[in-house]
Amino acid sequence: MDFACPWSDPTWTRNTQYLLNSFKHWLGTELIERQGSPQQQAETLFKASSIVVAHGLQQDPIFFYGNLAALQLWHVDLPSLLEMPSRKTAEPVHRDERARLLKLTQEQGFVDDYQGIRIATTGERFLIERAIVWNVMNDQDQQVGQAATFDHWQRLVDRA
């Protein structure tokens, strides 16, 4: 995969279609304006200003998608993100709450208006607000992961 242009990879483009189709299925609206080819849509989503991430269904789920805005927020490069368990975006003290969110999403198909505290690879903490979390389905309607998007967050300052 060309990490500078991941949308040129057929697997990345396919996964982007899964994200977009599943979002439309669960929420009844488009995540992005869908113009052009699937590859062009993959580029549009990667460059979108809203944060978009997705992880698989492993016992300890690993990210399989993160757009440029997510990479910048979490201070991570794409190769590192694609090897990272998604639980590492939450501090240990907040992981039970995160697990409850993922279980609720699993049961309902999606959750909107979620908020929670997350942590970047640098240790910087931030509160995400108005996030949407949804189950990602493939073309055979089999679940392949869960995704999240948000564009509201605020950095948290630790008190000394």
N, C-alpha and C. Protein backbone atom coordinates (compact mmCIF):
# COMPACT_ATOMS: atom_id res chain seq x y z
N MET A 1 0.85 -1.18 0.00
CA MET A 1 0.00 0.00 0.00
C MET A 1 0.89 1.24 0.00
N ASP A 2 0.49 2.21 -0.78
CA ASP A 2 1.16 3.51 -0.78
C ASP A 2 0.51 4.32 0.34
N PHE A 3 1.22 4.49 1.46
CA PHE A 3 0.63 5.15 2.62
C PHE A 3 0.40 6.63 2.39
N ALA A 4 1.05 7.21 1.38
CA ALA A 4 0.80 8.61 1.05
C ALA A 4 -0.50 8.77 0.27
N CYS A 5 -0.90 7.72 -0.44
CA CYS A 5 -2.13 7.72 -1.25
C CYS A 5 -2.86 6.39 -1.04
N PRO A 6 -3.36 6.12 0.16
CA PRO A 6 -3.95 4.81 0.42
C PRO A 6 -5.14 4.49 -0.47
N TRP A 7 -5.83 5.52 -0.94
CA TRP A 7 -7.00 5.30 -1.80
C TRP A 7 -6.64 4.64 -3.13
N SER A 8 -5.35 4.55 -3.46
CA SER A 8 -4.94 3.86 -4.68
C SER A 8 -4.89 2.34 -4.49
N ASP A 9 -5.05 1.88 -3.24
CA ASP A 9 -5.04 0.45 -2.93
C ASP A 9 -6.47 -0.11 -3.06
N PRO A 10 -6.67 -1.19 -3.81
CA PRO A 10 -8.02 -1.74 -3.99
C PRO A 10 -8.69 -2.16 -2.68
N THR A 11 -7.94 -2.70 -1.74
CA THR A 11 -8.53 -3.09 -0.45
C THR A 11 -8.99 -1.87 0.32
N TRP A 12 -8.21 -0.81 0.30
CA TRP A 12 -8.59 0.44 0.98
C TRP A 12 -9.87 1.00 0.36
N THR A 13 -9.92 0.99 -0.96
CA THR A 13 -11.10 1.50 -1.67
C THR A 13 -12.33 0.66 -1.32
N ARG A 14 -12.17 -0.67 -1.30
CA ARG A 14 -13.29 -1.55 -0.94
C ARG A 14 -13.75 -1.26 0.49
N ASN A 15 -12.81 -1.14 1.42
CA ASN A 15 -13.18 -0.87 2.81
C ASN A 15 -13.86 0.48 2.95
N THR A 16 -13.42 1.46 2.16
CA THR A 16 -14.09 2.76 2.18
C THR A 16 -15.54 2.62 1.73
N GLN A 17 -15.78 1.81 0.71
CA GLN A 17 -17.15 1.58 0.25
C GLN A 17 -17.98 0.92 1.36
N TYR A 18 -17.38 -0.01 2.09
CA TYR A 18 -18.09 -0.64 3.21
C TYR A 18 -18.47 0.42 4.25
N LEU A 19 -17.54 1.32 4.56
CA LEU A 19 -17.83 2.38 5.54
C LEU A 19 -18.97 3.26 5.05
N LEU A 20 -18.87 3.70 3.81
CA LEU A 20 -19.88 4.61 3.27
C LEU A 20 -21.24 3.94 3.13
N ASN A 21 -21.27 2.73 2.60
CA ASN A 21 -22.54 2.01 2.43
C ASN A 21 -23.19 1.70 3.77
N SER A 22 -22.39 1.31 4.75
CA SER A 22 -22.94 0.98 6.08
C SER A 22 -23.47 2.22 6.78
N PHE A 23 -22.76 3.32 6.66
CA PHE A 23 -23.23 4.57 7.26
C PHE A 23 -24.59 4.93 6.67
N LYS A 24 -24.70 4.87 5.34
CA LYS A 24 -25.97 5.17 4.67
C LYS A 24 -27.07 4.21 5.14
N HIS A 25 -26.73 2.92 5.27
CA HIS A 25 -27.70 1.93 5.72
C HIS A 25 -28.24 2.26 7.11
N TRP A 26 -27.35 2.51 8.05
CA TRP A 26 -27.76 2.71 9.44
C TRP A 26 -28.35 4.09 9.70
N LEU A 27 -27.77 5.13 9.08
CA LEU A 27 -28.17 6.49 9.40
C LEU A 27 -29.12 7.11 8.38
N GLY A 28 -29.24 6.51 7.20
CA GLY A 28 -30.14 7.04 6.19
C GLY A 28 -29.64 8.28 5.49
N THR A 29 -28.39 8.60 5.66
CA THR A 29 -27.79 9.76 5.02
C THR A 29 -26.35 9.41 4.63
N GLU A 30 -25.77 10.23 3.80
CA GLU A 30 -24.40 9.96 3.35
C GLU A 30 -23.39 10.55 4.33
N LEU A 31 -22.28 9.86 4.49
CA LEU A 31 -21.18 10.35 5.32
C LEU A 31 -20.43 11.47 4.60
N ILE A 32 -20.25 11.33 3.29
CA ILE A 32 -19.64 12.36 2.44
C ILE A 32 -20.51 12.50 1.20
N GLU A 33 -20.28 13.55 0.45
CA GLU A 33 -20.92 13.67 -0.85
C GLU A 33 -20.26 12.65 -1.78
N ARG A 34 -21.04 11.72 -2.28
CA ARG A 34 -20.49 10.60 -3.07
C ARG A 34 -20.53 10.93 -4.54
N GLN A 35 -19.40 11.44 -5.00
CA GLN A 35 -19.24 11.76 -6.41
C GLN A 35 -18.05 10.99 -6.93
N GLY A 36 -18.10 10.68 -8.22
CA GLY A 36 -16.96 10.04 -8.87
C GLY A 36 -16.88 8.55 -8.59
N SER A 37 -15.74 7.99 -8.91
CA SER A 37 -15.49 6.56 -8.78
C SER A 37 -15.30 6.18 -7.31
N PRO A 38 -15.37 4.90 -6.99
CA PRO A 38 -15.06 4.47 -5.63
C PRO A 38 -13.67 4.94 -5.16
N GLN A 39 -12.71 4.95 -6.06
CA GLN A 39 -11.36 5.42 -5.68
C GLN A 39 -11.39 6.92 -5.35
N GLN A 40 -12.14 7.69 -6.12
CA GLN A 40 -12.27 9.12 -5.83
C GLN A 40 -13.00 9.35 -4.50
N GLN A 41 -14.00 8.52 -4.22
CA GLN A 41 -14.70 8.62 -2.94
C GLN A 41 -13.76 8.27 -1.79
N ALA A 42 -12.89 7.27 -2.00
CA ALA A 42 -11.92 6.89 -0.97
C ALA A 42 -10.96 8.05 -0.70
N GLU A 43 -10.55 8.74 -1.73
CA GLU A 43 -9.67 9.91 -1.54
C GLU A 43 -10.41 11.01 -0.80
N THR A 44 -11.66 11.26 -1.18
CA THR A 44 -12.47 12.29 -0.51
C THR A 44 -12.62 12.00 0.97
N LEU A 45 -12.93 10.75 1.33
CA LEU A 45 -13.10 10.40 2.74
C LEU A 45 -11.77 10.53 3.48
N PHE A 46 -10.68 10.10 2.86
CA PHE A 46 -9.38 10.19 3.52
C PHE A 46 -9.02 11.65 3.83
N LYS A 47 -9.40 12.56 2.95
CA LYS A 47 -9.05 13.97 3.11
C LYS A 47 -10.14 14.79 3.80
N ALA A 48 -11.22 14.16 4.23
CA ALA A 48 -12.33 14.86 4.88
C ALA A 48 -11.88 15.52 6.18
N SER A 49 -12.55 16.58 6.55
CA SER A 49 -12.18 17.29 7.78
C SER A 49 -12.69 16.59 9.04
N SER A 50 -13.74 15.79 8.92
CA SER A 50 -14.26 15.03 10.07
C SER A 50 -13.35 13.83 10.33
N ILE A 51 -13.23 13.46 11.57
CA ILE A 51 -12.47 12.28 11.96
C ILE A 51 -13.27 11.04 11.55
N VAL A 52 -12.60 10.06 10.93
CA VAL A 52 -13.22 8.78 10.61
C VAL A 52 -12.19 7.68 10.90
N VAL A 53 -12.59 6.73 11.75
CA VAL A 53 -11.75 5.56 12.05
C VAL A 53 -12.63 4.32 12.04
N ALA A 54 -11.99 3.16 11.83
CA ALA A 54 -12.72 1.90 11.87
C ALA A 54 -11.78 0.80 12.33
N HIS A 55 -12.34 -0.13 13.10
CA HIS A 55 -11.56 -1.29 13.53
C HIS A 55 -12.30 -2.57 13.14
N GLY A 56 -11.55 -3.67 13.14
CA GLY A 56 -12.10 -4.97 12.80
C GLY A 56 -12.80 -5.62 13.97
N LEU A 57 -13.02 -6.91 13.84
CA LEU A 57 -13.78 -7.67 14.85
C LEU A 57 -12.90 -8.62 15.65
N GLN A 58 -11.59 -8.43 15.64
CA GLN A 58 -10.71 -9.30 16.40
C GLN A 58 -11.05 -9.23 17.90
N GLN A 59 -10.52 -10.16 18.66
CA GLN A 59 -10.72 -10.14 20.11
C GLN A 59 -10.26 -8.80 20.69
N ASP A 60 -9.14 -8.29 20.21
CA ASP A 60 -8.62 -6.98 20.58
C ASP A 60 -8.57 -6.18 19.26
N PRO A 61 -9.68 -5.55 18.87
CA PRO A 61 -9.81 -4.99 17.52
C PRO A 61 -8.68 -4.04 17.12
N ILE A 62 -8.22 -4.24 15.89
CA ILE A 62 -7.16 -3.43 15.29
C ILE A 62 -7.79 -2.50 14.25
N PHE A 63 -7.29 -1.26 14.20
CA PHE A 63 -7.78 -0.33 13.20
C PHE A 63 -7.48 -0.85 11.80
N PHE A 64 -8.46 -0.73 10.91
CA PHE A 64 -8.21 -1.00 9.49
C PHE A 64 -8.44 0.26 8.66
N TYR A 65 -8.87 1.34 9.32
CA TYR A 65 -9.09 2.59 8.59
C TYR A 65 -8.89 3.77 9.54
N GLY A 66 -8.28 4.79 9.01
CA GLY A 66 -8.18 6.08 9.68
C GLY A 66 -7.89 7.12 8.62
N ASN A 67 -8.65 8.21 8.65
CA ASN A 67 -8.40 9.24 7.64
C ASN A 67 -7.35 10.23 8.16
N LEU A 68 -6.98 11.17 7.32
CA LEU A 68 -5.91 12.10 7.64
C LEU A 68 -6.23 12.90 8.90
N ALA A 69 -7.47 13.33 9.06
CA ALA A 69 -7.85 14.09 10.26
C ALA A 69 -7.65 13.25 11.51
N ALA A 70 -7.96 11.96 11.45
CA ALA A 70 -7.76 11.07 12.60
C ALA A 70 -6.28 10.90 12.90
N LEU A 71 -5.48 10.73 11.86
CA LEU A 71 -4.04 10.58 12.06
C LEU A 71 -3.46 11.82 12.74
N GLN A 72 -3.92 12.97 12.33
CA GLN A 72 -3.44 14.21 12.94
C GLN A 72 -3.90 14.35 14.38
N LEU A 73 -5.14 14.01 14.67
CA LEU A 73 -5.66 14.13 16.03
C LEU A 73 -4.94 13.19 16.99
N TRP A 74 -4.71 11.96 16.55
CA TRP A 74 -4.06 10.98 17.42
C TRP A 74 -2.53 11.00 17.31
N HIS A 75 -1.99 11.89 16.49
CA HIS A 75 -0.53 12.03 16.33
C HIS A 75 0.12 10.69 15.98
N VAL A 76 -0.36 10.10 14.90
CA VAL A 76 0.13 8.78 14.50
C VAL A 76 0.19 8.74 12.97
N ASP A 77 1.11 7.95 12.44
CA ASP A 77 1.14 7.77 10.99
C ASP A 77 0.26 6.58 10.62
N LEU A 78 -0.08 6.48 9.35
CA LEU A 78 -1.01 5.44 8.91
C LEU A 78 -0.49 4.03 9.16
N PRO A 79 0.78 3.72 8.84
CA PRO A 79 1.25 2.35 9.12
C PRO A 79 1.12 1.98 10.61
N SER A 80 1.41 2.92 11.50
CA SER A 80 1.29 2.64 12.94
C SER A 80 -0.16 2.46 13.35
N LEU A 81 -1.05 3.30 12.82
CA LEU A 81 -2.48 3.18 13.15
C LEU A 81 -3.01 1.81 12.74
N LEU A 82 -2.60 1.35 11.56
CA LEU A 82 -3.12 0.08 11.04
C LEU A 82 -2.59 -1.14 11.79
N GLU A 83 -1.71 -0.93 12.76
CA GLU A 83 -1.23 -2.01 13.64
C GLU A 83 -1.71 -1.82 15.08
N MET A 84 -2.46 -0.73 15.33
CA MET A 84 -2.83 -0.34 16.70
C MET A 84 -4.17 -0.93 17.12
N PRO A 85 -4.21 -1.57 18.29
CA PRO A 85 -5.52 -1.93 18.85
C PRO A 85 -6.31 -0.65 19.16
N SER A 86 -7.56 -0.63 18.80
CA SER A 86 -8.35 0.59 18.98
C SER A 86 -8.52 0.96 20.45
N ARG A 87 -8.40 -0.01 21.35
CA ARG A 87 -8.53 0.30 22.79
C ARG A 87 -7.48 1.30 23.25
N LYS A 88 -6.37 1.39 22.52
CA LYS A 88 -5.29 2.30 22.93
C LYS A 88 -5.64 3.76 22.73
N THR A 89 -6.77 4.05 22.10
CA THR A 89 -7.20 5.43 21.96
C THR A 89 -7.94 5.91 23.20
N ALA A 90 -8.17 5.01 24.14
CA ALA A 90 -8.81 5.36 25.41
C ALA A 90 -7.87 4.98 26.54
N GLU A 91 -7.81 5.83 27.55
CA GLU A 91 -7.00 5.50 28.72
C GLU A 91 -7.62 4.30 29.43
N PRO A 92 -6.82 3.52 30.15
CA PRO A 92 -7.37 2.35 30.85
C PRO A 92 -8.60 2.66 31.69
N VAL A 93 -8.62 3.81 32.35
CA VAL A 93 -9.74 4.17 33.21
C VAL A 93 -11.04 4.37 32.41
N HIS A 94 -10.93 4.65 31.10
CA HIS A 94 -12.11 4.90 30.27
C HIS A 94 -12.46 3.72 29.37
N ARG A 95 -11.74 2.62 29.48
CA ARG A 95 -11.95 1.50 28.54
C ARG A 95 -13.24 0.73 28.81
N ASP A 96 -13.70 0.68 30.06
CA ASP A 96 -14.98 0.01 30.33
C ASP A 96 -16.13 0.76 29.67
N GLU A 97 -16.09 2.08 29.76
CA GLU A 97 -17.12 2.91 29.12
C GLU A 97 -17.07 2.72 27.61
N ARG A 98 -15.88 2.64 27.03
CA ARG A 98 -15.72 2.42 25.60
C ARG A 98 -16.28 1.05 25.22
N ALA A 99 -16.02 0.03 26.01
CA ALA A 99 -16.54 -1.31 25.74
C ALA A 99 -18.07 -1.32 25.76
N ARG A 100 -18.68 -0.58 26.69
CA ARG A 100 -20.15 -0.49 26.74
C ARG A 100 -20.69 0.15 25.46
N LEU A 101 -20.01 1.19 24.98
CA LEU A 101 -20.41 1.85 23.73
C LEU A 101 -20.37 0.86 22.57
N LEU A 102 -19.29 0.10 22.45
CA LEU A 102 -19.16 -0.83 21.34
C LEU A 102 -20.19 -1.95 21.41
N LYS A 103 -20.52 -2.39 22.62
CA LYS A 103 -21.55 -3.42 22.80
C LYS A 103 -22.93 -2.87 22.40
N LEU A 104 -23.23 -1.66 22.82
CA LEU A 104 -24.50 -1.03 22.45
C LEU A 104 -24.59 -0.84 20.94
N THR A 105 -23.49 -0.43 20.32
CA THR A 105 -23.47 -0.29 18.86
C THR A 105 -23.72 -1.63 18.20
N GLN A 106 -23.08 -2.67 18.72
CA GLN A 106 -23.26 -4.02 18.18
C GLN A 106 -24.74 -4.41 18.20
N GLU A 107 -25.42 -4.09 19.28
CA GLU A 107 -26.82 -4.48 19.44
C GLU A 107 -27.77 -3.63 18.60
N GLN A 108 -27.51 -2.34 18.49
CA GLN A 108 -28.44 -1.41 17.84
C GLN A 108 -28.10 -1.12 16.38
N GLY A 109 -26.85 -1.38 15.97
CA GLY A 109 -26.41 -1.04 14.62
C GLY A 109 -25.65 0.27 14.57
N PHE A 110 -26.07 1.23 15.38
CA PHE A 110 -25.35 2.50 15.47
C PHE A 110 -25.74 3.22 16.75
N VAL A 111 -24.88 4.14 17.15
CA VAL A 111 -25.14 5.04 18.27
C VAL A 111 -24.75 6.43 17.78
N ASP A 112 -25.62 7.40 18.01
CA ASP A 112 -25.24 8.76 17.65
C ASP A 112 -25.21 9.61 18.91
N ASP A 113 -24.58 10.74 18.81
CA ASP A 113 -24.45 11.69 19.92
C ASP A 113 -23.66 11.12 21.10
N TYR A 114 -22.64 10.32 20.79
CA TYR A 114 -21.75 9.78 21.83
C TYR A 114 -20.70 10.82 22.21
N GLN A 115 -20.29 10.80 23.46
CA GLN A 115 -19.14 11.59 23.88
C GLN A 115 -18.30 10.78 24.85
N GLY A 116 -17.00 11.01 24.80
CA GLY A 116 -16.09 10.30 25.69
C GLY A 116 -14.68 10.86 25.58
N ILE A 117 -13.86 10.52 26.54
CA ILE A 117 -12.48 11.00 26.58
C ILE A 117 -11.58 10.00 25.86
N ARG A 118 -10.70 10.53 25.02
CA ARG A 118 -9.74 9.72 24.29
C ARG A 118 -8.34 10.29 24.50
N ILE A 119 -7.34 9.53 24.09
CA ILE A 119 -5.96 9.94 24.30
C ILE A 119 -5.15 9.70 23.03
N ALA A 120 -4.32 10.68 22.69
CA ALA A 120 -3.44 10.58 21.53
C ALA A 120 -2.19 9.79 21.91
N THR A 121 -1.42 9.41 20.93
CA THR A 121 -0.17 8.66 21.18
C THR A 121 0.83 9.50 21.97
N THR A 122 0.66 10.81 21.97
CA THR A 122 1.54 11.72 22.71
C THR A 122 1.14 11.85 24.17
N GLY A 123 -0.01 11.28 24.55
CA GLY A 123 -0.53 11.43 25.90
C GLY A 123 -1.52 12.57 26.03
N GLU A 124 -1.69 13.34 24.98
CA GLU A 124 -2.64 14.43 24.98
C GLU A 124 -4.06 13.86 25.04
N ARG A 125 -4.88 14.41 25.94
CA ARG A 125 -6.25 13.93 26.13
C ARG A 125 -7.23 14.91 25.51
N PHE A 126 -8.35 14.37 25.02
CA PHE A 126 -9.37 15.21 24.43
C PHE A 126 -10.74 14.56 24.62
N LEU A 127 -11.75 15.40 24.67
CA LEU A 127 -13.14 14.96 24.80
C LEU A 127 -13.77 15.01 23.42
N ILE A 128 -14.20 13.85 22.92
CA ILE A 128 -14.94 13.84 21.66
C ILE A 128 -16.42 14.02 21.97
N GLU A 129 -17.09 14.74 21.10
CA GLU A 129 -18.50 15.05 21.31
C GLU A 129 -19.27 14.79 20.03
N ARG A 130 -20.53 14.42 20.17
CA ARG A 130 -21.45 14.21 19.04
C ARG A 130 -20.89 13.20 18.04
N ALA A 131 -20.26 12.16 18.54
CA ALA A 131 -19.71 11.12 17.66
C ALA A 131 -20.82 10.16 17.24
N ILE A 132 -20.66 9.61 16.06
CA ILE A 132 -21.53 8.55 15.55
C ILE A 132 -20.68 7.30 15.42
N VAL A 133 -21.16 6.21 15.97
CA VAL A 133 -20.47 4.92 15.89
C VAL A 133 -21.43 3.95 15.22
N TRP A 134 -20.94 3.19 14.24
CA TRP A 134 -21.82 2.28 13.51
C TRP A 134 -21.12 0.99 13.16
N ASN A 135 -21.94 -0.06 12.96
CA ASN A 135 -21.43 -1.35 12.51
C ASN A 135 -21.13 -1.27 11.01
N VAL A 136 -19.98 -1.80 10.63
CA VAL A 136 -19.56 -1.81 9.22
C VAL A 136 -19.86 -3.18 8.65
N MET A 137 -20.59 -3.17 7.54
CA MET A 137 -21.02 -4.41 6.89
C MET A 137 -20.35 -4.51 5.52
N ASN A 138 -20.10 -5.74 5.08
CA ASN A 138 -19.55 -5.94 3.73
C ASN A 138 -20.70 -6.07 2.73
N ASP A 139 -20.37 -6.43 1.49
CA ASP A 139 -21.38 -6.54 0.44
C ASP A 139 -22.36 -7.69 0.66
N GLN A 140 -22.00 -8.65 1.52
CA GLN A 140 -22.89 -9.78 1.83
C GLN A 140 -23.64 -9.55 3.15
N ASP A 141 -23.66 -8.30 3.61
CA ASP A 141 -24.32 -7.92 4.87
C ASP A 141 -23.76 -8.65 6.08
N GLN A 142 -22.48 -8.99 6.03
CA GLN A 142 -21.79 -9.56 7.18
C GLN A 142 -21.01 -8.45 7.86
N GLN A 143 -21.07 -8.41 9.17
CA GLN A 143 -20.34 -7.37 9.88
C GLN A 143 -18.84 -7.62 9.78
N VAL A 144 -18.09 -6.57 9.45
CA VAL A 144 -16.63 -6.67 9.33
C VAL A 144 -15.93 -5.73 10.31
N GLY A 145 -16.68 -4.90 11.01
CA GLY A 145 -16.06 -3.99 11.96
C GLY A 145 -17.03 -2.97 12.50
N GLN A 146 -16.44 -1.97 13.15
CA GLN A 146 -17.20 -0.84 13.66
C GLN A 146 -16.42 0.42 13.32
N ALA A 147 -17.13 1.49 13.07
CA ALA A 147 -16.49 2.75 12.69
C ALA A 147 -17.06 3.89 13.53
N ALA A 148 -16.33 4.99 13.53
CA ALA A 148 -16.77 6.18 14.25
C ALA A 148 -16.39 7.41 13.44
N THR A 149 -17.22 8.42 13.57
CA THR A 149 -16.92 9.72 12.97
C THR A 149 -17.36 10.81 13.93
N PHE A 150 -16.60 11.88 13.93
CA PHE A 150 -16.97 13.06 14.72
C PHE A 150 -16.16 14.24 14.20
N ASP A 151 -16.69 15.42 14.44
CA ASP A 151 -15.94 16.61 14.08
C ASP A 151 -15.95 17.65 15.20
N HIS A 152 -16.38 17.22 16.39
CA HIS A 152 -16.34 18.09 17.56
C HIS A 152 -15.50 17.42 18.64
N TRP A 153 -14.49 18.11 19.08
CA TRP A 153 -13.68 17.64 20.21
C TRP A 153 -13.01 18.84 20.85
N GLN A 154 -12.63 18.65 22.10
CA GLN A 154 -11.90 19.70 22.79
C GLN A 154 -10.75 19.08 23.57
N ARG A 155 -9.63 19.72 23.48
CA ARG A 155 -8.45 19.25 24.19
C ARG A 155 -8.66 19.47 25.68
N LEU A 156 -8.19 18.51 26.48
CA LEU A 156 -8.32 18.61 27.92
C LEU A 156 -6.95 18.96 28.51
N VAL A 157 -6.96 19.87 29.44
CA VAL A 157 -5.72 20.28 30.09
C VAL A 157 -5.69 19.64 31.47
N ASP A 158 -4.63 18.90 31.73
CA ASP A 158 -4.48 18.29 33.06
C ASP A 158 -4.11 19.35 34.07
N ARG A 159 -4.73 19.25 35.22
CA ARG A 159 -4.42 20.20 36.30
C ARG A 159 -3.25 19.65 37.09
N ALA A 160 -2.30 20.51 37.34
CA ALA A 160 -1.11 20.09 38.10
C ALA A 160 -1.29 20.38 39.57
